[in-house]
Amino acid sequence: MEYLPAWMFLALTVLLMAGFPVAFTLLGTALFFGLIGFGWSFFDLLPLRIYGRMTNVTLIAVPLFVFMGVMLERSGLAEKLLDTMAILFGRLKGGLAISVVVVGALLGASTGIVGATVVTMGLLAIPTMLRRNYQKEMACGTVSASGTLGQIIPPSIVLVLIGDIVGVSVGDLFMGAVLPGLLLVALYIIYILLAANLRPGIAPPIPKAELDAITRGELAARVGKALFPPLFLMVAVLGSIFAGIASPTEAAAVGAVGATLLAIASKKFSIKTLRQVMLQTTNLTCMVFIILCGAAAFGLVFRGLGGDHLVRGFLGSLAETHGKYGVLAIVMGVIFFIGFFLDFIEITFIHVPVLAPIMLEFGFDPVWFCILLAVNLQTSFMTPPFGFSLFYLKAVTPPEISTGHIYRGIIPFVLFQLIGLAIVAFFPQLATWLPSVVFAN
């Protein structure tokens, strides 16, 4: 009985690896081991635990941010942005790839939905980059990495979920994620510039004659029209939070309304579009919340059986030999490895509730630790064999793009992501400075 939580965790892992649905695996494992550990009285506790999660006001932000992202996807925002940024950076070697990174960051700050961003960018950017004689690996890696920036750049759904689980203010996490998000954007651009200049054939510039055909006045007008919508939405959502006018949940509602207004302004809004957006939002939200119910049941049983004490004792013994920073490195390594097989929602709901309280007991800053988790979880979208960003991209790329091209293309971006994780780990001020300044009063 002492090691029942370990057997429970092992059973969950084996079932997930076997391909069983996450939500039902979590619930089924929790019910089976709950009956063994507590008997039938377990069913007296479970409804209260799930009801407590479902009545959490913070989580209302999830469907609202999803609605905002899906509505923006239908507004044609990405297409205008990409065309304009490509002209702006076109004279540089790798300029088109840099424009993809910038657009990915802007869409990430506008939507926060990786699937929508990767699919949209894949449909628009990959054919254009191939037509410009970009190396296939460079094109695929750039789009896949840029599409995942919405995981760390606020407003981010993963930050909402982590903040709720760990008990940290979502506003603090949004503010703390700004600099690490910009750091990742800078690292991606540095890699593209280095690769394009060391191997000019993989990312050629746009021909000068083509760019000279556009006057500066025309370019300035196009940049203004393309940048206004995402900047408007960023100011509406993040500005209302940082100024203390709205909570993250209220700001999510502002974002949903703002995205709808942008769709109306771009003449892409209709009752049919609204119905499709609402249906997709419902599907995505139900997926998140059914997993949340399963995770609540799993967490109840795991803690009730003493699983947190088992993990705490194990990590405590590691701390005695390796120190608390050694334990932090091991935990980050484990989460990175798990990301090869599970997506961010599963890791957030299964592993974070167990690991986060123990790590905070070691004295780590909660905002900094949550940002480290978010940066680490971002890599789960790009690490094979189950990187969802890779699946999304393969579904929309031309036939000449193979899975091998995508897998090889993401390797350098994953490495630079790990460099970004290490920089944030060694310089906690990147995550803690802005929240301390903005929310000092």
Protein backbone atom coordinates (compact mmCIF):
# COMPACT_ATOMS: atom_id res chain seq x y z
CA MET A 1 0.00 0.00 0.00
CA GLU A 2 2.91 2.35 0.65
CA TYR A 3 3.91 2.25 -3.01
CA LEU A 4 0.36 2.23 -4.40
CA PRO A 5 0.75 5.83 -5.76
CA ALA A 6 3.84 4.71 -7.70
CA TRP A 7 1.91 1.77 -9.20
CA MET A 8 -0.92 4.17 -10.01
CA PHE A 9 1.43 6.53 -11.85
CA LEU A 10 3.04 3.60 -13.69
CA ALA A 11 -0.37 2.28 -14.77
CA LEU A 12 -1.34 5.73 -16.06
CA THR A 13 1.92 6.02 -18.04
CA VAL A 14 1.56 2.56 -19.62
CA LEU A 15 -2.06 3.20 -20.62
CA LEU A 16 -1.22 6.60 -22.14
CA MET A 17 1.69 5.10 -24.10
CA ALA A 18 -0.69 2.40 -25.34
CA GLY A 19 -2.81 5.11 -26.93
CA PHE A 20 -5.87 5.23 -24.67
CA PRO A 21 -7.69 8.62 -24.50
CA VAL A 22 -6.15 10.89 -21.87
CA ALA A 23 -9.34 11.98 -20.06
CA PHE A 24 -10.75 8.45 -19.70
CA THR A 25 -7.36 7.03 -18.74
CA LEU A 26 -7.05 9.58 -15.94
CA LEU A 27 -10.59 8.94 -14.70
CA GLY A 28 -10.38 5.16 -15.06
CA THR A 29 -7.04 4.94 -13.25
CA ALA A 30 -8.32 7.23 -10.48
CA LEU A 31 -11.52 5.20 -10.00
CA PHE A 32 -9.69 1.85 -9.94
CA PHE A 33 -7.00 2.87 -7.46
CA GLY A 34 -9.45 5.02 -5.48
CA LEU A 35 -11.60 1.95 -4.85
CA ILE A 36 -8.53 -0.04 -3.78
CA GLY A 37 -7.27 2.69 -1.46
CA PHE A 38 -10.48 4.16 -0.02
CA GLY A 39 -13.30 1.77 -0.80
CA TRP A 40 -16.76 2.98 -1.84
CA SER A 41 -16.47 6.11 0.33
CA PHE A 42 -14.21 7.49 -2.40
CA PHE A 43 -17.34 8.34 -4.42
CA ASP A 44 -18.47 10.69 -1.65
CA LEU A 45 -15.35 12.83 -2.16
CA LEU A 46 -15.01 12.82 -5.94
CA PRO A 47 -18.08 14.95 -6.91
CA LEU A 48 -17.04 17.70 -4.48
CA ARG A 49 -13.53 17.80 -5.93
CA ILE A 50 -14.73 18.04 -9.53
CA TYR A 51 -17.43 20.60 -8.63
CA GLY A 52 -14.77 22.77 -6.97
CA ARG A 53 -12.72 22.80 -10.16
CA MET A 54 -15.69 23.52 -12.41
CA THR A 55 -16.76 26.53 -10.33
CA ASN A 56 -13.32 28.17 -10.54
CA VAL A 57 -13.91 31.63 -12.04
CA THR A 58 -10.34 31.91 -13.40
CA LEU A 59 -10.94 29.03 -15.81
CA ILE A 60 -13.69 31.00 -17.60
CA ALA A 61 -10.78 32.68 -19.39
CA VAL A 62 -10.02 29.44 -21.27
CA PRO A 63 -13.10 29.31 -23.57
CA LEU A 64 -12.97 33.09 -24.04
CA PHE A 65 -9.33 33.05 -25.17
CA VAL A 66 -10.08 30.05 -27.41
CA PHE A 67 -13.00 31.97 -28.97
CA MET A 68 -10.72 34.98 -29.51
CA GLY A 69 -8.10 32.85 -31.26
CA VAL A 70 -10.51 30.98 -33.51
CA MET A 71 -12.32 34.18 -34.50
CA LEU A 72 -9.00 35.86 -35.36
CA GLU A 73 -8.05 32.88 -37.51
CA ARG A 74 -11.16 33.58 -39.64
CA SER A 75 -10.44 37.32 -39.95
CA GLY A 76 -7.58 37.01 -42.48
CA LEU A 77 -5.19 38.80 -40.11
CA ALA A 78 -2.29 36.39 -40.61
CA GLU A 79 -2.25 36.67 -44.40
CA LYS A 80 -1.97 40.48 -44.37
CA LEU A 81 0.68 40.37 -41.63
CA LEU A 82 2.84 37.82 -43.42
CA ASP A 83 2.77 39.62 -46.78
CA THR A 84 3.69 42.93 -45.15
CA MET A 85 6.46 41.56 -42.89
CA ALA A 86 7.97 39.65 -45.81
CA ILE A 87 8.37 42.94 -47.71
CA LEU A 88 9.72 44.69 -44.61
CA PHE A 89 12.47 42.10 -43.94
CA GLY A 90 12.83 40.85 -47.51
CA ARG A 91 16.23 42.46 -48.20
CA LEU A 92 17.93 40.36 -45.48
CA LYS A 93 19.20 36.82 -46.00
CA GLY A 94 16.60 34.78 -44.20
CA GLY A 95 14.31 37.83 -44.19
CA LEU A 96 11.20 35.84 -45.09
CA ALA A 97 11.90 33.40 -42.23
CA ILE A 98 12.39 36.34 -39.84
CA SER A 99 9.03 37.74 -40.97
CA VAL A 100 7.43 34.36 -40.15
CA VAL A 101 8.90 34.53 -36.62
CA VAL A 102 7.63 38.10 -36.11
CA VAL A 103 4.17 37.20 -37.40
CA GLY A 104 4.15 34.09 -35.21
CA ALA A 105 4.94 36.25 -32.17
CA LEU A 106 2.21 38.76 -33.05
CA LEU A 107 -0.35 36.02 -33.65
CA GLY A 108 0.76 34.36 -30.40
CA ALA A 109 0.13 37.62 -28.56
CA SER A 110 -3.25 37.88 -30.29
CA THR A 111 -4.56 34.30 -30.11
CA GLY A 112 -2.52 32.06 -27.80
CA ILE A 113 -3.67 28.95 -29.74
CA VAL A 114 -0.80 26.93 -31.22
CA GLY A 115 -2.92 24.79 -33.54
CA ALA A 116 -4.59 27.78 -35.21
CA THR A 117 -1.28 29.63 -35.63
CA VAL A 118 0.69 26.66 -37.02
CA VAL A 119 -2.06 25.69 -39.48
CA THR A 120 -2.55 29.26 -40.68
CA MET A 121 1.20 29.90 -41.03
CA GLY A 122 1.74 26.52 -42.66
CA LEU A 123 -0.90 27.20 -45.29
CA LEU A 124 0.40 30.71 -46.03
CA ALA A 125 4.15 30.64 -45.42
CA ILE A 126 5.39 27.19 -46.48
CA PRO A 127 4.37 27.49 -50.19
CA THR A 128 5.79 31.04 -50.29
CA MET A 129 9.11 29.99 -48.73
CA LEU A 130 9.46 27.02 -51.08
CA ARG A 131 8.71 29.28 -54.04
CA ARG A 132 11.53 31.56 -52.81
CA ASN A 133 13.93 28.55 -52.86
CA TYR A 134 14.12 28.13 -49.09
CA GLN A 135 15.50 24.85 -47.81
CA LYS A 136 12.57 22.63 -46.81
CA GLU A 137 13.96 21.99 -43.33
CA MET A 138 14.44 25.71 -42.68
CA ALA A 139 10.90 26.51 -43.86
CA CYS A 140 9.28 23.77 -41.76
CA GLY A 141 11.35 24.46 -38.64
CA THR A 142 10.65 28.19 -38.75
CA VAL A 143 6.88 27.79 -39.12
CA SER A 144 6.65 25.06 -36.48
CA ALA A 145 8.72 27.03 -33.91
CA SER A 146 7.01 30.35 -34.61
CA GLY A 147 3.58 28.81 -34.20
CA THR A 148 4.42 27.63 -30.66
CA LEU A 149 5.28 31.14 -29.41
CA GLY A 150 1.66 31.57 -28.36
CA GLN A 151 2.38 29.12 -25.52
CA ILE A 152 4.64 31.59 -23.70
CA ILE A 153 3.76 35.03 -25.09
CA PRO A 154 0.66 36.28 -23.22
CA PRO A 155 -2.26 35.90 -23.34
CA SER A 156 -1.45 32.19 -23.08
CA ILE A 157 -3.88 29.44 -22.11
CA VAL A 158 -1.08 27.38 -20.56
CA LEU A 159 -0.25 30.28 -18.22
CA VAL A 160 -3.91 30.47 -17.15
CA LEU A 161 -3.92 26.74 -16.37
CA ILE A 162 -0.56 26.75 -14.57
CA GLY A 163 -1.51 29.84 -12.57
CA ASP A 164 -4.73 28.16 -11.44
CA ILE A 165 -2.98 24.90 -10.47
CA VAL A 166 0.00 26.47 -8.68
CA GLY A 167 -2.03 29.30 -7.11
CA VAL A 168 -0.15 32.18 -8.73
CA SER A 169 -1.79 35.34 -10.11
CA VAL A 170 -2.39 34.98 -13.85
CA GLY A 171 -1.65 38.72 -14.25
CA ASP A 172 1.79 38.18 -12.69
CA LEU A 173 2.44 35.26 -15.04
CA PHE A 174 1.34 37.25 -18.10
CA MET A 175 3.68 40.06 -17.18
CA GLY A 176 6.50 37.68 -16.23
CA ALA A 177 6.27 35.86 -19.57
CA VAL A 178 6.80 38.98 -21.71
CA LEU A 179 10.61 39.09 -21.55
CA PRO A 180 11.15 35.30 -21.85
CA GLY A 181 8.81 35.30 -24.85
CA LEU A 182 10.75 38.12 -26.52
CA LEU A 183 13.98 36.28 -25.66
CA LEU A 184 12.80 33.23 -27.62
CA VAL A 185 11.84 35.45 -30.57
CA ALA A 186 15.35 36.98 -30.50
CA LEU A 187 17.02 33.55 -30.29
CA TYR A 188 15.03 32.27 -33.29
CA ILE A 189 15.98 35.35 -35.33
CA ILE A 190 19.65 34.98 -34.33
CA TYR A 191 19.65 31.35 -35.48
CA ILE A 192 18.00 32.25 -38.82
CA LEU A 193 20.53 35.07 -39.47
CA LEU A 194 23.48 32.81 -38.58
CA ALA A 195 22.22 29.93 -40.72
CA ALA A 196 21.31 32.16 -43.67
CA ASN A 197 24.69 33.90 -43.70
CA LEU A 198 26.78 30.77 -43.12
CA ARG A 199 24.81 28.79 -45.72
CA PRO A 200 23.31 31.41 -48.08
CA GLY A 201 21.47 28.88 -50.23
CA ILE A 202 19.05 27.78 -47.51
CA ALA A 203 17.32 31.16 -47.00
CA PRO A 204 17.89 33.60 -49.89
CA PRO A 205 16.65 37.23 -49.79
CA ILE A 206 13.75 38.45 -51.93
CA PRO A 207 15.05 39.88 -55.26
CA LYS A 208 15.84 43.61 -55.00
CA ALA A 209 13.88 44.52 -58.13
CA GLU A 210 10.70 43.06 -56.64
CA LEU A 211 11.09 45.08 -53.46
CA ASP A 212 11.98 48.31 -55.26
CA ALA A 213 8.62 48.20 -57.03
CA ILE A 214 6.96 49.17 -53.74
CA THR A 215 7.42 52.78 -52.62
CA ARG A 216 8.13 53.75 -49.02
CA GLY A 217 4.74 55.39 -48.72
CA GLU A 218 2.96 52.25 -49.87
CA LEU A 219 5.05 50.14 -47.50
CA ALA A 220 4.30 52.42 -44.53
CA ALA A 221 0.56 52.27 -45.29
CA ARG A 222 0.62 48.47 -45.56
CA VAL A 223 2.60 48.10 -42.33
CA GLY A 224 0.14 50.33 -40.50
CA LYS A 225 -2.90 48.42 -41.75
CA ALA A 226 -1.33 45.03 -41.01
CA LEU A 227 0.00 45.88 -37.54
CA PHE A 228 -3.01 47.78 -36.20
CA PRO A 229 -5.36 44.78 -35.63
CA PRO A 230 -2.96 42.63 -33.53
CA LEU A 231 -1.66 45.66 -31.64
CA PHE A 232 -5.24 46.78 -30.95
CA LEU A 233 -6.05 43.37 -29.51
CA MET A 234 -2.83 43.18 -27.47
CA VAL A 235 -3.51 46.60 -25.93
CA ALA A 236 -7.15 45.70 -25.27
CA VAL A 237 -6.33 42.40 -23.55
CA LEU A 238 -2.93 42.86 -21.90
CA GLY A 239 -3.33 46.60 -21.33
CA SER A 240 -6.54 46.12 -19.38
CA ILE A 241 -4.81 43.53 -17.15
CA PHE A 242 -1.58 45.43 -16.58
CA ALA A 243 -3.42 48.70 -15.93
CA GLY A 244 -5.51 46.97 -13.27
CA ILE A 245 -8.77 47.73 -15.11
CA ALA A 246 -9.74 44.09 -15.65
CA SER A 247 -8.92 40.65 -14.28
CA PRO A 248 -7.54 38.05 -16.74
CA THR A 249 -11.02 36.54 -17.04
CA GLU A 250 -12.59 39.92 -17.84
CA ALA A 251 -9.73 40.72 -20.23
CA ALA A 252 -10.43 37.44 -22.05
CA ALA A 253 -13.98 38.65 -22.62
CA VAL A 254 -12.59 41.94 -23.95
CA GLY A 255 -10.37 39.93 -26.33
CA ALA A 256 -13.30 37.85 -27.56
CA VAL A 257 -15.29 41.00 -28.34
CA GLY A 258 -12.23 42.67 -29.90
CA ALA A 259 -11.59 39.68 -32.19
CA THR A 260 -15.23 39.75 -33.30
CA LEU A 261 -14.99 43.49 -34.07
CA LEU A 262 -11.83 42.88 -36.13
CA ALA A 263 -13.61 40.14 -38.10
CA ILE A 264 -16.49 42.55 -38.75
CA ALA A 265 -14.05 45.29 -39.83
CA SER A 266 -12.31 42.93 -42.25
CA LYS A 267 -15.72 41.89 -43.67
CA LYS A 268 -15.14 38.24 -42.75
CA PHE A 269 -17.95 38.04 -40.19
CA SER A 270 -21.24 36.23 -40.79
CA ILE A 271 -23.73 34.16 -38.82
CA LYS A 272 -22.24 31.03 -40.44
CA THR A 273 -18.74 32.07 -39.32
CA LEU A 274 -19.98 32.80 -35.81
CA ARG A 275 -21.64 29.36 -35.63
CA GLN A 276 -18.42 27.64 -36.81
CA VAL A 277 -16.29 29.60 -34.34
CA MET A 278 -18.63 28.77 -31.46
CA LEU A 279 -18.68 25.08 -32.40
CA GLN A 280 -14.89 24.87 -32.59
CA THR A 281 -14.57 26.78 -29.31
CA THR A 282 -16.99 24.36 -27.63
CA ASN A 283 -15.06 21.33 -28.92
CA LEU A 284 -11.67 22.65 -27.73
CA THR A 285 -13.05 23.80 -24.38
CA CYS A 286 -14.76 20.45 -23.74
CA MET A 287 -11.49 18.66 -24.47
CA VAL A 288 -9.64 20.80 -21.92
CA PHE A 289 -12.29 20.50 -19.23
CA ILE A 290 -12.91 16.75 -19.50
CA ILE A 291 -9.15 16.29 -19.05
CA LEU A 292 -9.35 18.72 -16.13
CA CYS A 293 -12.05 16.52 -14.51
CA GLY A 294 -9.89 13.44 -14.97
CA ALA A 295 -6.86 15.24 -13.57
CA ALA A 296 -8.88 16.39 -10.54
CA ALA A 297 -9.90 12.80 -9.82
CA PHE A 298 -6.36 11.52 -10.36
CA GLY A 299 -4.89 14.21 -8.11
CA LEU A 300 -7.41 13.45 -5.36
CA VAL A 301 -6.48 9.75 -5.30
CA PHE A 302 -2.74 10.29 -5.76
CA ARG A 303 -2.56 12.73 -2.84
CA GLY A 304 -4.96 10.70 -0.71
CA LEU A 305 -2.73 7.64 -1.10
CA GLY A 306 0.29 9.67 -0.01
CA GLY A 307 1.79 10.12 -3.47
CA ASP A 308 2.92 13.67 -2.78
CA HIS A 309 4.81 12.46 0.32
CA LEU A 310 6.45 9.75 -1.78
CA VAL A 311 7.57 12.28 -4.41
CA ARG A 312 8.60 14.79 -1.73
CA GLY A 313 10.76 12.17 -0.02
CA PHE A 314 12.38 11.20 -3.32
CA LEU A 315 13.12 14.81 -4.32
CA GLY A 316 14.28 15.58 -0.77
CA SER A 317 16.84 12.79 -0.99
CA LEU A 318 18.01 14.19 -4.34
CA ALA A 319 18.30 17.67 -2.78
CA GLU A 320 20.61 16.32 -0.08
CA THR A 321 23.04 15.01 -2.69
CA HIS A 322 22.58 17.46 -5.59
CA GLY A 323 21.20 20.60 -3.91
CA LYS A 324 17.90 22.28 -4.73
CA TYR A 325 19.17 23.59 -8.08
CA GLY A 326 20.26 20.08 -8.99
CA VAL A 327 16.70 18.92 -8.25
CA LEU A 328 15.35 21.80 -10.39
CA ALA A 329 17.56 20.67 -13.29
CA ILE A 330 16.35 17.06 -12.88
CA VAL A 331 12.69 18.14 -12.77
CA MET A 332 13.10 20.29 -15.88
CA GLY A 333 14.86 17.41 -17.64
CA VAL A 334 12.05 15.02 -16.72
CA ILE A 335 9.36 17.43 -18.00
CA PHE A 336 11.34 17.94 -21.23
CA PHE A 337 11.61 14.16 -21.71
CA ILE A 338 7.91 13.59 -20.95
CA GLY A 339 7.12 16.24 -23.58
CA PHE A 340 8.29 13.79 -26.25
CA PHE A 341 5.26 11.63 -25.46
CA LEU A 342 2.60 13.85 -23.85
CA ASP A 343 1.22 17.26 -24.79
CA PHE A 344 1.21 20.34 -22.56
CA ILE A 345 -2.34 19.85 -21.23
CA GLU A 346 -1.57 16.34 -19.99
CA ILE A 347 1.72 17.41 -18.39
CA THR A 348 0.09 20.49 -16.84
CA PHE A 349 -2.74 18.51 -15.25
CA ILE A 350 -0.81 15.35 -14.31
CA HIS A 351 2.73 16.37 -13.32
CA VAL A 352 2.57 20.05 -12.36
CA PRO A 353 0.15 19.57 -9.41
CA VAL A 354 2.54 16.97 -7.95
CA LEU A 355 5.87 18.72 -8.61
CA ALA A 356 5.06 22.43 -8.20
CA PRO A 357 4.18 22.51 -4.45
CA ILE A 358 7.31 20.53 -3.60
CA MET A 359 9.56 22.79 -5.69
CA LEU A 360 8.04 25.90 -4.10
CA GLU A 361 8.83 24.43 -0.66
CA PHE A 362 12.50 24.56 -1.69
CA GLY A 363 12.15 28.36 -1.81
CA PHE A 364 11.94 29.00 -5.55
CA ASP A 365 10.06 32.10 -6.69
CA PRO A 366 6.60 30.88 -7.84
CA VAL A 367 6.36 33.24 -10.84
CA TRP A 368 9.85 32.30 -12.04
CA PHE A 369 9.19 28.58 -11.60
CA CYS A 370 5.87 28.80 -13.49
CA ILE A 371 7.55 30.64 -16.38
CA LEU A 372 10.27 27.97 -16.49
CA LEU A 373 7.52 25.35 -16.69
CA ALA A 374 5.78 27.25 -19.50
CA VAL A 375 8.98 27.60 -21.57
CA ASN A 376 9.74 23.92 -21.01
CA LEU A 377 6.20 22.86 -21.92
CA GLN A 378 6.48 24.84 -25.16
CA THR A 379 9.09 22.35 -26.39
CA SER A 380 6.52 19.52 -26.07
CA PHE A 381 4.84 20.89 -29.21
CA MET A 382 8.00 20.36 -31.28
CA THR A 383 9.57 17.18 -29.94
CA PRO A 384 8.83 13.98 -31.90
CA PRO A 385 7.20 11.53 -32.00
CA PHE A 386 4.10 13.26 -30.51
CA GLY A 387 4.79 16.96 -31.08
CA PHE A 388 1.39 18.41 -31.97
CA SER A 389 2.92 21.32 -33.86
CA LEU A 390 4.56 18.76 -36.17
CA PHE A 391 1.22 16.99 -36.73
CA TYR A 392 -0.56 20.27 -37.50
CA LEU A 393 2.16 21.28 -39.94
CA LYS A 394 2.31 17.93 -41.76
CA ALA A 395 -1.45 18.09 -42.30
CA VAL A 396 -1.24 21.35 -44.29
CA THR A 397 2.15 21.18 -46.07
CA PRO A 398 2.56 20.41 -49.80
CA PRO A 399 3.20 16.75 -50.82
CA GLU A 400 6.94 17.34 -51.35
CA ILE A 401 7.38 18.03 -47.62
CA SER A 402 8.07 14.77 -45.78
CA THR A 403 7.92 14.04 -42.06
CA GLY A 404 11.73 13.81 -42.15
CA HIS A 405 11.99 17.40 -43.41
CA ILE A 406 9.83 18.59 -40.50
CA TYR A 407 11.69 16.57 -37.85
CA ARG A 408 15.12 17.70 -39.07
CA GLY A 409 13.95 21.28 -39.36
CA ILE A 410 12.85 21.61 -35.72
CA ILE A 411 16.09 20.29 -34.17
CA PRO A 412 17.98 23.64 -34.11
CA PHE A 413 14.89 25.49 -32.86
CA VAL A 414 14.44 23.02 -30.00
CA LEU A 415 18.12 23.52 -29.09
CA PHE A 416 17.69 27.31 -29.07
CA GLN A 417 14.54 26.88 -26.99
CA LEU A 418 16.59 24.95 -24.42
CA ILE A 419 19.18 27.75 -24.50
CA GLY A 420 16.34 30.19 -23.75
CA LEU A 421 15.19 27.96 -20.88
CA ALA A 422 18.73 27.93 -19.46
CA ILE A 423 19.00 31.74 -19.73
CA VAL A 424 15.72 32.22 -17.85
CA ALA A 425 16.89 29.68 -15.24
CA PHE A 426 20.22 31.47 -14.68
CA PHE A 427 18.66 34.96 -14.76
CA PRO A 428 15.37 34.80 -12.81
CA GLN A 429 14.99 38.59 -13.16
CA LEU A 430 13.81 38.00 -16.73
CA ALA A 431 10.62 36.54 -15.28
CA THR A 432 10.32 38.45 -12.01
CA TRP A 433 11.42 42.02 -12.84
CA LEU A 434 8.38 43.22 -14.82
CA PRO A 435 5.76 41.90 -12.38
CA SER A 436 7.64 43.47 -9.44
CA VAL A 437 7.80 46.84 -11.22
CA VAL A 438 4.27 46.94 -12.67
CA PHE A 439 2.47 45.49 -9.67
CA ALA A 440 4.66 47.11 -7.01
CA ASN A 441 1.73 49.17 -5.78
